[in-house]
Amino acid sequence: MSFEIDLTLRRGERTIACRLSAPAGITALVGASGVGKSSVLEAIAGLLRPEAGRIAVGGEVLFDSAAGVNLAPEQRACGMVFQDLRLFPHRRVRDNLLYGHRLAPPERRFLSLDEAAAFLDIAPLLDRRPRTLSGGEAQRVAIGRALLAGPRFLLMDEPLTALDDARREAIIAVILRIRAELALPILLVSHDRGDVARLADTVVELRA
């Protein structure tokens, strides 16, 4: 499943332009801080509307300014893992995981709660609150919530930021397992060239 992105965004006084074509696998979007990498992910997810351009994933057009196409976020079948994770603090891990699952159409669900918990090794965390989790545990829960939404592809914004070496290795292993065992295309943002070299099949640099 390929990513075909050609878009122009406005964020305040800045204009962000991104053009990439990437095959299935893991694609890393790299570039200096503030260049607009996260904004590109949000546009693909449908959370920001580009000024112009076209977004297609796996041949399905999600946005096309010329053709008047702009699918709503819930129609894009996208799993989004935000840099700040955005777990619901008042809900236990179990309910955070099930949030996306309940919203996903039944035909898109490819993992049950128990399967996702086993895949990510988070079954012992299900009754805990997000504030009690380590950074690596919270990251795995955020990934689990995205997977349980039945996505066709994943967008991951700095999934390895602020993790110590052991937790970073654990999340790298999770991302590689998603590629190998679930065959989900992944577009991730990273500023760490070492992580990108280990993870990415395709690297795209966004410049100011």
N, C-alpha and C. Protein backbone atom coordinates (compact mmCIF):
# COMPACT_ATOMS: atom_id res chain seq x y z
N MET A 1 0.85 -1.19 0.00
CA MET A 1 0.00 0.00 0.00
C MET A 1 0.89 1.24 0.00
N SER A 2 0.79 2.03 -1.02
CA SER A 2 1.70 3.16 -1.20
C SER A 2 1.10 4.46 -0.64
N PHE A 3 2.01 5.38 -0.31
CA PHE A 3 1.63 6.75 0.04
C PHE A 3 1.93 7.63 -1.16
N GLU A 4 0.96 8.42 -1.59
CA GLU A 4 1.15 9.39 -2.66
C GLU A 4 0.67 10.74 -2.14
N ILE A 5 1.62 11.60 -1.78
CA ILE A 5 1.30 12.85 -1.10
C ILE A 5 1.88 14.01 -1.91
N ASP A 6 1.04 14.99 -2.19
CA ASP A 6 1.48 16.23 -2.84
C ASP A 6 0.57 17.33 -2.32
N LEU A 7 1.06 18.09 -1.32
CA LEU A 7 0.16 19.04 -0.67
C LEU A 7 0.88 20.32 -0.28
N THR A 8 0.08 21.35 -0.11
CA THR A 8 0.55 22.64 0.39
C THR A 8 -0.34 23.04 1.57
N LEU A 9 0.32 23.40 2.69
CA LEU A 9 -0.38 23.79 3.92
C LEU A 9 0.04 25.19 4.33
N ARG A 10 -0.86 25.86 5.02
CA ARG A 10 -0.52 27.13 5.66
C ARG A 10 -0.66 26.96 7.16
N ARG A 11 0.41 27.29 7.92
CA ARG A 11 0.37 27.33 9.37
C ARG A 11 0.85 28.69 9.81
N GLY A 12 -0.07 29.58 10.12
CA GLY A 12 0.31 30.95 10.44
C GLY A 12 0.93 31.63 9.24
N GLU A 13 2.16 32.11 9.41
CA GLU A 13 2.86 32.79 8.33
C GLU A 13 3.64 31.82 7.44
N ARG A 14 3.66 30.55 7.82
CA ARG A 14 4.48 29.57 7.10
C ARG A 14 3.68 28.84 6.04
N THR A 15 4.35 28.55 4.94
CA THR A 15 3.80 27.66 3.92
C THR A 15 4.60 26.37 3.95
N ILE A 16 3.90 25.25 4.05
CA ILE A 16 4.54 23.93 4.10
C ILE A 16 4.16 23.17 2.83
N ALA A 17 5.15 22.72 2.11
CA ALA A 17 4.90 21.94 0.90
C ALA A 17 5.56 20.58 1.07
N CYS A 18 4.84 19.52 0.74
CA CYS A 18 5.38 18.17 0.85
C CYS A 18 4.96 17.35 -0.36
N ARG A 19 5.93 16.72 -0.97
CA ARG A 19 5.64 15.80 -2.07
C ARG A 19 6.42 14.52 -1.82
N LEU A 20 5.71 13.40 -1.73
CA LEU A 20 6.40 12.13 -1.55
C LEU A 20 5.61 11.01 -2.19
N SER A 21 6.34 10.02 -2.63
CA SER A 21 5.77 8.80 -3.18
C SER A 21 6.55 7.65 -2.56
N ALA A 22 5.87 6.81 -1.80
CA ALA A 22 6.56 5.76 -1.07
C ALA A 22 5.78 4.45 -1.16
N PRO A 23 6.49 3.35 -1.34
CA PRO A 23 5.82 2.04 -1.41
C PRO A 23 5.44 1.56 -0.03
N ALA A 24 4.91 0.34 0.03
CA ALA A 24 4.54 -0.27 1.30
C ALA A 24 5.78 -0.40 2.20
N GLY A 25 5.53 -0.53 3.49
CA GLY A 25 6.62 -0.65 4.45
C GLY A 25 6.60 0.53 5.40
N ILE A 26 7.76 0.90 5.90
CA ILE A 26 7.88 2.03 6.83
C ILE A 26 8.56 3.19 6.12
N THR A 27 7.87 4.32 6.07
CA THR A 27 8.41 5.54 5.48
C THR A 27 8.67 6.53 6.59
N ALA A 28 9.85 7.11 6.63
CA ALA A 28 10.21 8.10 7.65
C ALA A 28 10.24 9.48 7.01
N LEU A 29 9.56 10.42 7.64
CA LEU A 29 9.58 11.82 7.24
C LEU A 29 10.51 12.54 8.21
N VAL A 30 11.61 13.06 7.70
CA VAL A 30 12.62 13.68 8.54
C VAL A 30 12.79 15.14 8.15
N GLY A 31 13.47 15.88 9.02
CA GLY A 31 13.72 17.29 8.76
C GLY A 31 13.92 18.03 10.06
N ALA A 32 14.33 19.27 9.96
CA ALA A 32 14.62 20.08 11.14
C ALA A 32 13.35 20.33 11.95
N SER A 33 13.52 20.60 13.23
CA SER A 33 12.39 20.93 14.09
C SER A 33 11.66 22.16 13.55
N GLY A 34 10.34 22.09 13.52
CA GLY A 34 9.54 23.22 13.08
C GLY A 34 9.32 23.33 11.59
N VAL A 35 9.82 22.35 10.82
CA VAL A 35 9.70 22.44 9.37
C VAL A 35 8.31 22.03 8.88
N GLY A 36 7.53 21.37 9.74
CA GLY A 36 6.15 21.04 9.36
C GLY A 36 5.85 19.56 9.25
N LYS A 37 6.69 18.72 9.80
CA LYS A 37 6.49 17.26 9.68
C LYS A 37 5.18 16.81 10.33
N SER A 38 4.94 17.28 11.54
CA SER A 38 3.72 16.89 12.24
C SER A 38 2.48 17.41 11.52
N SER A 39 2.59 18.59 10.95
CA SER A 39 1.45 19.16 10.20
C SER A 39 1.10 18.29 9.00
N VAL A 40 2.11 17.75 8.34
CA VAL A 40 1.86 16.86 7.20
C VAL A 40 1.10 15.62 7.66
N LEU A 41 1.51 15.03 8.79
CA LEU A 41 0.78 13.87 9.31
C LEU A 41 -0.67 14.22 9.61
N GLU A 42 -0.90 15.38 10.23
CA GLU A 42 -2.25 15.78 10.57
C GLU A 42 -3.10 16.02 9.33
N ALA A 43 -2.47 16.51 8.26
CA ALA A 43 -3.20 16.68 7.00
C ALA A 43 -3.60 15.34 6.40
N ILE A 44 -2.69 14.36 6.46
CA ILE A 44 -3.00 13.03 5.94
C ILE A 44 -4.14 12.40 6.74
N ALA A 45 -4.12 12.63 8.05
CA ALA A 45 -5.16 12.07 8.92
C ALA A 45 -6.50 12.80 8.78
N GLY A 46 -6.50 13.95 8.15
CA GLY A 46 -7.73 14.71 7.98
C GLY A 46 -7.98 15.71 9.09
N LEU A 47 -6.98 15.97 9.92
CA LEU A 47 -7.13 16.91 11.03
C LEU A 47 -6.78 18.34 10.62
N LEU A 48 -6.06 18.49 9.53
CA LEU A 48 -5.78 19.79 8.92
C LEU A 48 -6.16 19.71 7.45
N ARG A 49 -6.74 20.78 6.95
CA ARG A 49 -7.09 20.82 5.53
C ARG A 49 -6.00 21.55 4.75
N PRO A 50 -5.38 20.88 3.77
CA PRO A 50 -4.38 21.57 2.94
C PRO A 50 -5.01 22.69 2.12
N GLU A 51 -4.19 23.65 1.75
CA GLU A 51 -4.67 24.68 0.83
C GLU A 51 -4.90 24.10 -0.55
N ALA A 52 -4.03 23.18 -0.93
CA ALA A 52 -4.14 22.56 -2.25
C ALA A 52 -3.38 21.25 -2.24
N GLY A 53 -3.69 20.40 -3.24
CA GLY A 53 -2.92 19.18 -3.39
C GLY A 53 -3.76 17.92 -3.43
N ARG A 54 -3.08 16.80 -3.23
CA ARG A 54 -3.73 15.49 -3.33
C ARG A 54 -3.06 14.53 -2.35
N ILE A 55 -3.89 13.73 -1.66
CA ILE A 55 -3.41 12.71 -0.74
C ILE A 55 -4.10 11.40 -1.10
N ALA A 56 -3.30 10.39 -1.40
CA ALA A 56 -3.85 9.06 -1.70
C ALA A 56 -3.02 8.02 -0.97
N VAL A 57 -3.69 7.04 -0.40
CA VAL A 57 -3.02 5.93 0.28
C VAL A 57 -3.59 4.63 -0.24
N GLY A 58 -2.72 3.79 -0.77
CA GLY A 58 -3.17 2.52 -1.33
C GLY A 58 -4.13 2.70 -2.49
N GLY A 59 -3.95 3.78 -3.23
CA GLY A 59 -4.81 4.04 -4.38
C GLY A 59 -6.12 4.73 -4.05
N GLU A 60 -6.46 4.85 -2.76
CA GLU A 60 -7.69 5.54 -2.37
C GLU A 60 -7.39 7.01 -2.12
N VAL A 61 -8.12 7.89 -2.79
CA VAL A 61 -7.93 9.33 -2.66
C VAL A 61 -8.62 9.81 -1.39
N LEU A 62 -7.83 10.41 -0.50
CA LEU A 62 -8.36 10.95 0.74
C LEU A 62 -8.64 12.44 0.64
N PHE A 63 -7.83 13.12 -0.18
CA PHE A 63 -8.00 14.55 -0.39
C PHE A 63 -7.54 14.89 -1.79
N ASP A 64 -8.32 15.70 -2.47
CA ASP A 64 -7.94 16.19 -3.80
C ASP A 64 -8.64 17.53 -3.99
N SER A 65 -7.87 18.60 -3.87
CA SER A 65 -8.48 19.92 -3.95
C SER A 65 -9.10 20.18 -5.31
N ALA A 66 -8.47 19.69 -6.37
CA ALA A 66 -8.99 19.93 -7.71
C ALA A 66 -10.30 19.19 -7.95
N ALA A 67 -10.42 17.99 -7.39
CA ALA A 67 -11.62 17.17 -7.60
C ALA A 67 -12.68 17.39 -6.52
N GLY A 68 -12.36 18.20 -5.50
CA GLY A 68 -13.32 18.47 -4.44
C GLY A 68 -13.50 17.31 -3.47
N VAL A 69 -12.45 16.50 -3.30
CA VAL A 69 -12.52 15.35 -2.39
C VAL A 69 -11.84 15.72 -1.07
N ASN A 70 -12.53 15.48 0.04
CA ASN A 70 -11.93 15.71 1.36
C ASN A 70 -12.64 14.79 2.36
N LEU A 71 -12.16 13.54 2.47
CA LEU A 71 -12.80 12.59 3.36
C LEU A 71 -12.64 13.02 4.81
N ALA A 72 -13.67 12.79 5.60
CA ALA A 72 -13.61 13.06 7.04
C ALA A 72 -12.60 12.13 7.69
N PRO A 73 -12.00 12.53 8.82
CA PRO A 73 -10.99 11.68 9.47
C PRO A 73 -11.46 10.25 9.69
N GLU A 74 -12.70 10.06 10.13
CA GLU A 74 -13.17 8.71 10.42
C GLU A 74 -13.36 7.86 9.17
N GLN A 75 -13.41 8.49 8.01
CA GLN A 75 -13.53 7.75 6.75
C GLN A 75 -12.19 7.35 6.16
N ARG A 76 -11.10 7.84 6.73
CA ARG A 76 -9.78 7.61 6.14
C ARG A 76 -9.14 6.31 6.62
N ALA A 77 -9.73 5.67 7.62
CA ALA A 77 -9.21 4.40 8.16
C ALA A 77 -7.74 4.51 8.51
N CYS A 78 -7.42 5.58 9.24
CA CYS A 78 -6.04 5.89 9.62
C CYS A 78 -5.87 5.70 11.12
N GLY A 79 -4.79 5.04 11.52
CA GLY A 79 -4.42 4.95 12.92
C GLY A 79 -3.37 6.00 13.23
N MET A 80 -3.67 6.91 14.15
CA MET A 80 -2.76 8.02 14.44
C MET A 80 -2.20 7.87 15.85
N VAL A 81 -0.87 7.91 15.96
CA VAL A 81 -0.20 7.90 17.26
C VAL A 81 0.47 9.26 17.41
N PHE A 82 -0.08 10.09 18.29
CA PHE A 82 0.39 11.46 18.45
C PHE A 82 1.66 11.51 19.30
N GLN A 83 2.44 12.55 19.12
CA GLN A 83 3.67 12.71 19.89
C GLN A 83 3.36 12.81 21.39
N ASP A 84 2.27 13.49 21.74
CA ASP A 84 1.89 13.62 23.15
C ASP A 84 0.92 12.51 23.58
N LEU A 85 0.74 11.52 22.73
CA LEU A 85 -0.04 10.29 22.98
C LEU A 85 -1.55 10.54 23.09
N ARG A 86 -1.98 11.54 23.82
CA ARG A 86 -3.40 11.91 23.94
C ARG A 86 -4.25 10.77 24.49
N LEU A 87 -3.72 10.05 25.46
CA LEU A 87 -4.54 9.08 26.18
C LEU A 87 -5.53 9.83 27.06
N PHE A 88 -6.69 9.23 27.27
CA PHE A 88 -7.70 9.85 28.13
C PHE A 88 -7.31 9.60 29.59
N PRO A 89 -6.96 10.64 30.35
CA PRO A 89 -6.44 10.42 31.71
C PRO A 89 -7.47 9.85 32.67
N HIS A 90 -8.76 10.11 32.41
CA HIS A 90 -9.81 9.67 33.32
C HIS A 90 -10.28 8.24 33.02
N ARG A 91 -9.75 7.65 31.95
CA ARG A 91 -10.15 6.29 31.58
C ARG A 91 -9.01 5.31 31.84
N ARG A 92 -9.36 4.12 32.24
CA ARG A 92 -8.35 3.08 32.42
C ARG A 92 -7.80 2.67 31.05
N VAL A 93 -6.69 1.97 31.07
CA VAL A 93 -6.05 1.53 29.83
C VAL A 93 -7.04 0.74 28.96
N ARG A 94 -7.81 -0.14 29.58
CA ARG A 94 -8.78 -0.94 28.83
C ARG A 94 -9.72 -0.05 28.01
N ASP A 95 -10.25 1.00 28.65
CA ASP A 95 -11.19 1.87 27.95
C ASP A 95 -10.50 2.75 26.92
N ASN A 96 -9.25 3.13 27.16
CA ASN A 96 -8.50 3.84 26.13
C ASN A 96 -8.34 2.97 24.89
N LEU A 97 -8.01 1.70 25.10
CA LEU A 97 -7.83 0.79 23.97
C LEU A 97 -9.12 0.57 23.20
N LEU A 98 -10.23 0.48 23.93
CA LEU A 98 -11.51 0.16 23.29
C LEU A 98 -12.15 1.37 22.62
N TYR A 99 -11.63 2.56 22.88
CA TYR A 99 -12.25 3.77 22.32
C TYR A 99 -12.29 3.70 20.79
N GLY A 100 -11.12 3.45 20.18
CA GLY A 100 -11.09 3.35 18.73
C GLY A 100 -11.81 2.12 18.21
N HIS A 101 -11.74 1.03 18.96
CA HIS A 101 -12.38 -0.23 18.54
C HIS A 101 -13.88 -0.05 18.40
N ARG A 102 -14.47 0.68 19.33
CA ARG A 102 -15.92 0.89 19.29
C ARG A 102 -16.34 1.77 18.12
N LEU A 103 -15.46 2.66 17.70
CA LEU A 103 -15.79 3.55 16.58
C LEU A 103 -15.57 2.90 15.22
N ALA A 104 -14.72 1.88 15.17
CA ALA A 104 -14.37 1.26 13.88
C ALA A 104 -15.50 0.39 13.36
N PRO A 105 -15.78 0.43 12.06
CA PRO A 105 -16.76 -0.49 11.49
C PRO A 105 -16.32 -1.93 11.73
N PRO A 106 -17.25 -2.83 12.01
CA PRO A 106 -16.88 -4.23 12.32
C PRO A 106 -16.01 -4.87 11.25
N GLU A 107 -16.24 -4.54 9.99
CA GLU A 107 -15.47 -5.18 8.91
C GLU A 107 -14.01 -4.73 8.89
N ARG A 108 -13.68 -3.63 9.57
CA ARG A 108 -12.29 -3.17 9.61
C ARG A 108 -11.52 -3.70 10.80
N ARG A 109 -12.20 -4.27 11.77
CA ARG A 109 -11.53 -4.72 12.99
C ARG A 109 -10.76 -6.01 12.71
N PHE A 110 -9.46 -5.97 12.88
CA PHE A 110 -8.66 -7.18 12.64
C PHE A 110 -7.99 -7.69 13.91
N LEU A 111 -8.15 -6.97 15.03
CA LEU A 111 -7.61 -7.41 16.32
C LEU A 111 -8.69 -7.25 17.38
N SER A 112 -8.77 -8.19 18.30
CA SER A 112 -9.59 -8.03 19.49
C SER A 112 -8.77 -7.35 20.57
N LEU A 113 -9.42 -6.95 21.65
CA LEU A 113 -8.71 -6.35 22.77
C LEU A 113 -7.65 -7.32 23.30
N ASP A 114 -8.02 -8.57 23.50
CA ASP A 114 -7.07 -9.55 24.04
C ASP A 114 -5.90 -9.77 23.09
N GLU A 115 -6.17 -9.81 21.79
CA GLU A 115 -5.09 -10.01 20.81
C GLU A 115 -4.13 -8.82 20.80
N ALA A 116 -4.69 -7.62 20.85
CA ALA A 116 -3.83 -6.42 20.86
C ALA A 116 -3.01 -6.36 22.14
N ALA A 117 -3.63 -6.70 23.28
CA ALA A 117 -2.92 -6.66 24.55
C ALA A 117 -1.77 -7.67 24.56
N ALA A 118 -2.02 -8.84 23.98
CA ALA A 118 -0.96 -9.85 23.91
C ALA A 118 0.13 -9.42 22.94
N PHE A 119 -0.26 -8.89 21.79
CA PHE A 119 0.70 -8.47 20.77
C PHE A 119 1.65 -7.40 21.32
N LEU A 120 1.12 -6.49 22.14
CA LEU A 120 1.90 -5.37 22.65
C LEU A 120 2.41 -5.60 24.07
N ASP A 121 2.08 -6.76 24.65
CA ASP A 121 2.51 -7.11 26.01
C ASP A 121 2.02 -6.07 27.02
N ILE A 122 0.74 -5.73 26.94
CA ILE A 122 0.18 -4.75 27.87
C ILE A 122 -1.01 -5.31 28.65
N ALA A 123 -1.23 -6.62 28.61
CA ALA A 123 -2.35 -7.21 29.36
C ALA A 123 -2.31 -6.86 30.85
N PRO A 124 -1.12 -6.84 31.50
CA PRO A 124 -1.10 -6.48 32.93
C PRO A 124 -1.47 -5.03 33.22
N LEU A 125 -1.56 -4.19 32.18
CA LEU A 125 -1.80 -2.76 32.38
C LEU A 125 -3.27 -2.37 32.23
N LEU A 126 -4.14 -3.30 31.87
CA LEU A 126 -5.49 -2.96 31.42
C LEU A 126 -6.31 -2.20 32.46
N ASP A 127 -6.09 -2.43 33.74
CA ASP A 127 -6.89 -1.77 34.77
C ASP A 127 -6.21 -0.55 35.38
N ARG A 128 -5.09 -0.14 34.80
CA ARG A 128 -4.37 1.01 35.33
C ARG A 128 -4.78 2.30 34.63
N ARG A 129 -4.50 3.43 35.27
CA ARG A 129 -4.74 4.75 34.68
C ARG A 129 -3.48 5.20 33.94
N PRO A 130 -3.63 6.01 32.90
CA PRO A 130 -2.46 6.47 32.15
C PRO A 130 -1.38 7.13 32.99
N ARG A 131 -1.77 7.85 34.04
CA ARG A 131 -0.76 8.56 34.84
C ARG A 131 0.18 7.62 35.58
N THR A 132 -0.20 6.36 35.72
CA THR A 132 0.64 5.39 36.43
C THR A 132 1.60 4.65 35.50
N LEU A 133 1.54 4.94 34.20
CA LEU A 133 2.34 4.21 33.23
C LEU A 133 3.69 4.87 33.00
N SER A 134 4.69 4.07 32.67
CA SER A 134 5.96 4.61 32.21
C SER A 134 5.80 5.14 30.79
N GLY A 135 6.82 5.85 30.31
CA GLY A 135 6.74 6.37 28.94
C GLY A 135 6.58 5.27 27.91
N GLY A 136 7.33 4.18 28.06
CA GLY A 136 7.22 3.08 27.11
C GLY A 136 5.88 2.38 27.18
N GLU A 137 5.34 2.21 28.40
CA GLU A 137 4.02 1.58 28.55
C GLU A 137 2.94 2.44 27.91
N ALA A 138 3.00 3.74 28.15
CA ALA A 138 2.01 4.65 27.57
C ALA A 138 2.09 4.65 26.05
N GLN A 139 3.30 4.57 25.51
CA GLN A 139 3.47 4.53 24.06
C GLN A 139 2.83 3.27 23.47
N ARG A 140 3.03 2.13 24.13
CA ARG A 140 2.43 0.89 23.64
C ARG A 140 0.90 0.94 23.72
N VAL A 141 0.37 1.58 24.75
CA VAL A 141 -1.09 1.73 24.84
C VAL A 141 -1.60 2.61 23.71
N ALA A 142 -0.90 3.69 23.42
CA ALA A 142 -1.31 4.57 22.32
C ALA A 142 -1.27 3.83 20.98
N ILE A 143 -0.26 3.01 20.78
CA ILE A 143 -0.17 2.21 19.56
C ILE A 143 -1.33 1.20 19.52
N GLY A 144 -1.61 0.59 20.68
CA GLY A 144 -2.71 -0.36 20.74
C GLY A 144 -4.05 0.27 20.41
N ARG A 145 -4.28 1.47 20.91
CA ARG A 145 -5.54 2.16 20.60
C ARG A 145 -5.65 2.41 19.09
N ALA A 146 -4.54 2.79 18.47
CA ALA A 146 -4.56 3.02 17.02
C ALA A 146 -4.83 1.72 16.26
N LEU A 147 -4.22 0.62 16.68
CA LEU A 147 -4.42 -0.66 15.99
C LEU A 147 -5.85 -1.17 16.15
N LEU A 148 -6.44 -0.95 17.32
CA LEU A 148 -7.79 -1.44 17.56
C LEU A 148 -8.85 -0.65 16.80
N ALA A 149 -8.47 0.50 16.23
CA ALA A 149 -9.39 1.25 15.38
C ALA A 149 -9.50 0.66 13.99
N GLY A 150 -8.80 -0.45 13.74
CA GLY A 150 -8.89 -1.12 12.44
C GLY A 150 -8.34 -0.31 11.29
N PRO A 151 -7.13 0.25 11.43
CA PRO A 151 -6.61 1.14 10.39
C PRO A 151 -6.10 0.40 9.16
N ARG A 152 -6.14 1.10 8.02
CA ARG A 152 -5.49 0.62 6.81
C ARG A 152 -4.01 0.99 6.82
N PHE A 153 -3.65 2.03 7.57
CA PHE A 153 -2.26 2.48 7.68
C PHE A 153 -2.10 3.23 8.98
N LEU A 154 -0.83 3.37 9.41
CA LEU A 154 -0.51 4.06 10.66
C LEU A 154 0.31 5.32 10.39
N LEU A 155 0.01 6.37 11.15
CA LEU A 155 0.82 7.58 11.19
C LEU A 155 1.35 7.71 12.61
N MET A 156 2.67 7.89 12.75
CA MET A 156 3.29 7.92 14.07
C MET A 156 4.19 9.16 14.17
N ASP A 157 3.87 10.04 15.13
CA ASP A 157 4.60 11.29 15.28
C ASP A 157 5.61 11.14 16.41
N GLU A 158 6.89 11.06 16.05
CA GLU A 158 8.00 10.93 17.01
C GLU A 158 7.72 9.83 18.05
N PRO A 159 7.51 8.59 17.61
CA PRO A 159 7.14 7.53 18.56
C PRO A 159 8.24 7.13 19.54
N LEU A 160 9.48 7.59 19.32
CA LEU A 160 10.58 7.18 20.19
C LEU A 160 11.13 8.33 21.03
N THR A 161 10.48 9.48 20.99
CA THR A 161 10.95 10.64 21.73
C THR A 161 10.82 10.43 23.23
N ALA A 162 11.81 10.89 23.98
CA ALA A 162 11.79 10.93 25.45
C ALA A 162 11.74 9.55 26.08
N LEU A 163 12.20 8.52 25.37
CA LEU A 163 12.28 7.18 25.95
C LEU A 163 13.72 6.85 26.26
N ASP A 164 13.95 6.13 27.36
CA ASP A 164 15.30 5.68 27.63
C ASP A 164 15.66 4.54 26.68
N ASP A 165 16.89 4.09 26.71
CA ASP A 165 17.36 3.12 25.72
C ASP A 165 16.56 1.84 25.72
N ALA A 166 16.24 1.31 26.90
CA ALA A 166 15.52 0.04 26.98
C ALA A 166 14.11 0.18 26.40
N ARG A 167 13.43 1.26 26.76
CA ARG A 167 12.06 1.45 26.27
C ARG A 167 12.07 1.77 24.77
N ARG A 168 13.09 2.49 24.32
CA ARG A 168 13.22 2.78 22.89
C ARG A 168 13.37 1.49 22.10
N GLU A 169 14.20 0.57 22.59
CA GLU A 169 14.37 -0.71 21.90
C GLU A 169 13.07 -1.49 21.86
N ALA A 170 12.31 -1.42 22.95
CA ALA A 170 11.03 -2.14 22.99
C ALA A 170 10.05 -1.59 21.96
N ILE A 171 9.98 -0.27 21.81
CA ILE A 171 9.05 0.32 20.85
C ILE A 171 9.53 0.08 19.42
N ILE A 172 10.83 0.13 19.18
CA ILE A 172 11.35 -0.22 17.85
C ILE A 172 10.93 -1.65 17.49
N ALA A 173 11.03 -2.56 18.45
CA ALA A 173 10.63 -3.95 18.20
C ALA A 173 9.14 -4.03 17.87
N VAL A 174 8.32 -3.24 18.56
CA VAL A 174 6.87 -3.23 18.27
C VAL A 174 6.60 -2.74 16.86
N ILE A 175 7.26 -1.65 16.47
CA ILE A 175 7.03 -1.09 15.13
C ILE A 175 7.45 -2.09 14.05
N LEU A 176 8.57 -2.76 14.25
CA LEU A 176 9.02 -3.75 13.28
C LEU A 176 8.08 -4.95 13.22
N ARG A 177 7.51 -5.32 14.36
CA ARG A 177 6.53 -6.42 14.38
C ARG A 177 5.25 -6.03 13.63
N ILE A 178 4.84 -4.79 13.76
CA ILE A 178 3.65 -4.33 13.04
C ILE A 178 3.87 -4.45 11.54
N ARG A 179 5.06 -4.05 11.10
CA ARG A 179 5.38 -4.18 9.67
C ARG A 179 5.42 -5.64 9.24
N ALA A 180 6.07 -6.49 10.02
CA ALA A 180 6.28 -7.88 9.62
C ALA A 180 5.03 -8.74 9.76
N GLU A 181 4.29 -8.57 10.86
CA GLU A 181 3.19 -9.48 11.16
C GLU A 181 1.82 -8.94 10.77
N LEU A 182 1.64 -7.63 10.82
CA LEU A 182 0.34 -7.06 10.47
C LEU A 182 0.34 -6.44 9.07
N ALA A 183 1.54 -6.23 8.51
CA ALA A 183 1.70 -5.70 7.15
C ALA A 183 0.99 -4.36 6.96
N LEU A 184 1.03 -3.53 8.00
CA LEU A 184 0.43 -2.20 7.89
C LEU A 184 1.47 -1.20 7.42
N PRO A 185 1.17 -0.42 6.40
CA PRO A 185 2.09 0.66 6.02
C PRO A 185 2.17 1.68 7.15
N ILE A 186 3.36 2.21 7.37
CA ILE A 186 3.58 3.17 8.45
C ILE A 186 4.31 4.39 7.89
N LEU A 187 3.80 5.56 8.20
CA LEU A 187 4.51 6.81 7.92
C LEU A 187 4.81 7.44 9.27
N LEU A 188 6.10 7.56 9.58
CA LEU A 188 6.46 8.10 10.89
C LEU A 188 7.36 9.31 10.75
N VAL A 189 7.26 10.18 11.74
CA VAL A 189 8.12 11.36 11.84
C VAL A 189 9.19 11.08 12.87
N SER A 190 10.43 11.41 12.54
CA SER A 190 11.52 11.25 13.50
C SER A 190 12.60 12.28 13.21
N HIS A 191 13.27 12.71 14.28
CA HIS A 191 14.42 13.61 14.11
C HIS A 191 15.73 12.86 14.31
N ASP A 192 15.63 11.57 14.69
CA ASP A 192 16.82 10.79 15.02
C ASP A 192 17.23 9.93 13.82
N ARG A 193 18.35 10.26 13.22
CA ARG A 193 18.79 9.56 12.02
C ARG A 193 19.13 8.10 12.30
N GLY A 194 19.61 7.82 13.51
CA GLY A 194 19.92 6.44 13.86
C GLY A 194 18.67 5.58 13.90
N ASP A 195 17.60 6.10 14.52
CA ASP A 195 16.33 5.37 14.55
C ASP A 195 15.79 5.17 13.14
N VAL A 196 15.88 6.21 12.33
CA VAL A 196 15.38 6.13 10.96
C VAL A 196 16.13 5.05 10.18
N ALA A 197 17.44 4.98 10.35
CA ALA A 197 18.24 3.99 9.63
C ALA A 197 17.82 2.57 10.00
N ARG A 198 17.42 2.36 11.24
CA ARG A 198 17.02 1.03 11.69
C ARG A 198 15.60 0.67 11.25
N LEU A 199 14.74 1.65 11.12
CA LEU A 199 13.32 1.37 10.92
C LEU A 199 12.85 1.51 9.48
N ALA A 200 13.33 2.52 8.79
CA ALA A 200 12.67 2.96 7.56
C ALA A 200 13.12 2.20 6.32
N ASP A 201 12.14 1.87 5.48
CA ASP A 201 12.42 1.36 4.14
C ASP A 201 12.62 2.52 3.16
N THR A 202 11.93 3.64 3.44
CA THR A 202 12.00 4.83 2.59
C THR A 202 12.16 6.04 3.49
N VAL A 203 13.04 6.96 3.12
CA VAL A 203 13.26 8.19 3.90
C VAL A 203 12.97 9.39 3.01
N VAL A 204 12.16 10.30 3.52
CA VAL A 204 11.82 11.54 2.79
C VAL A 204 12.18 12.71 3.68
N GLU A 205 12.96 13.65 3.16
CA GLU A 205 13.36 14.82 3.95
C GLU A 205 12.51 16.01 3.58
N LEU A 206 11.95 16.64 4.63
CA LEU A 206 11.18 17.87 4.46
C LEU A 206 12.08 19.03 4.84
N ARG A 207 12.24 19.97 3.91
CA ARG A 207 13.13 21.11 4.15
C ARG A 207 12.32 22.40 4.26
N ALA A 208 12.91 23.36 4.98
CA ALA A 208 12.26 24.69 5.11
C ALA A 208 12.21 25.36 3.76
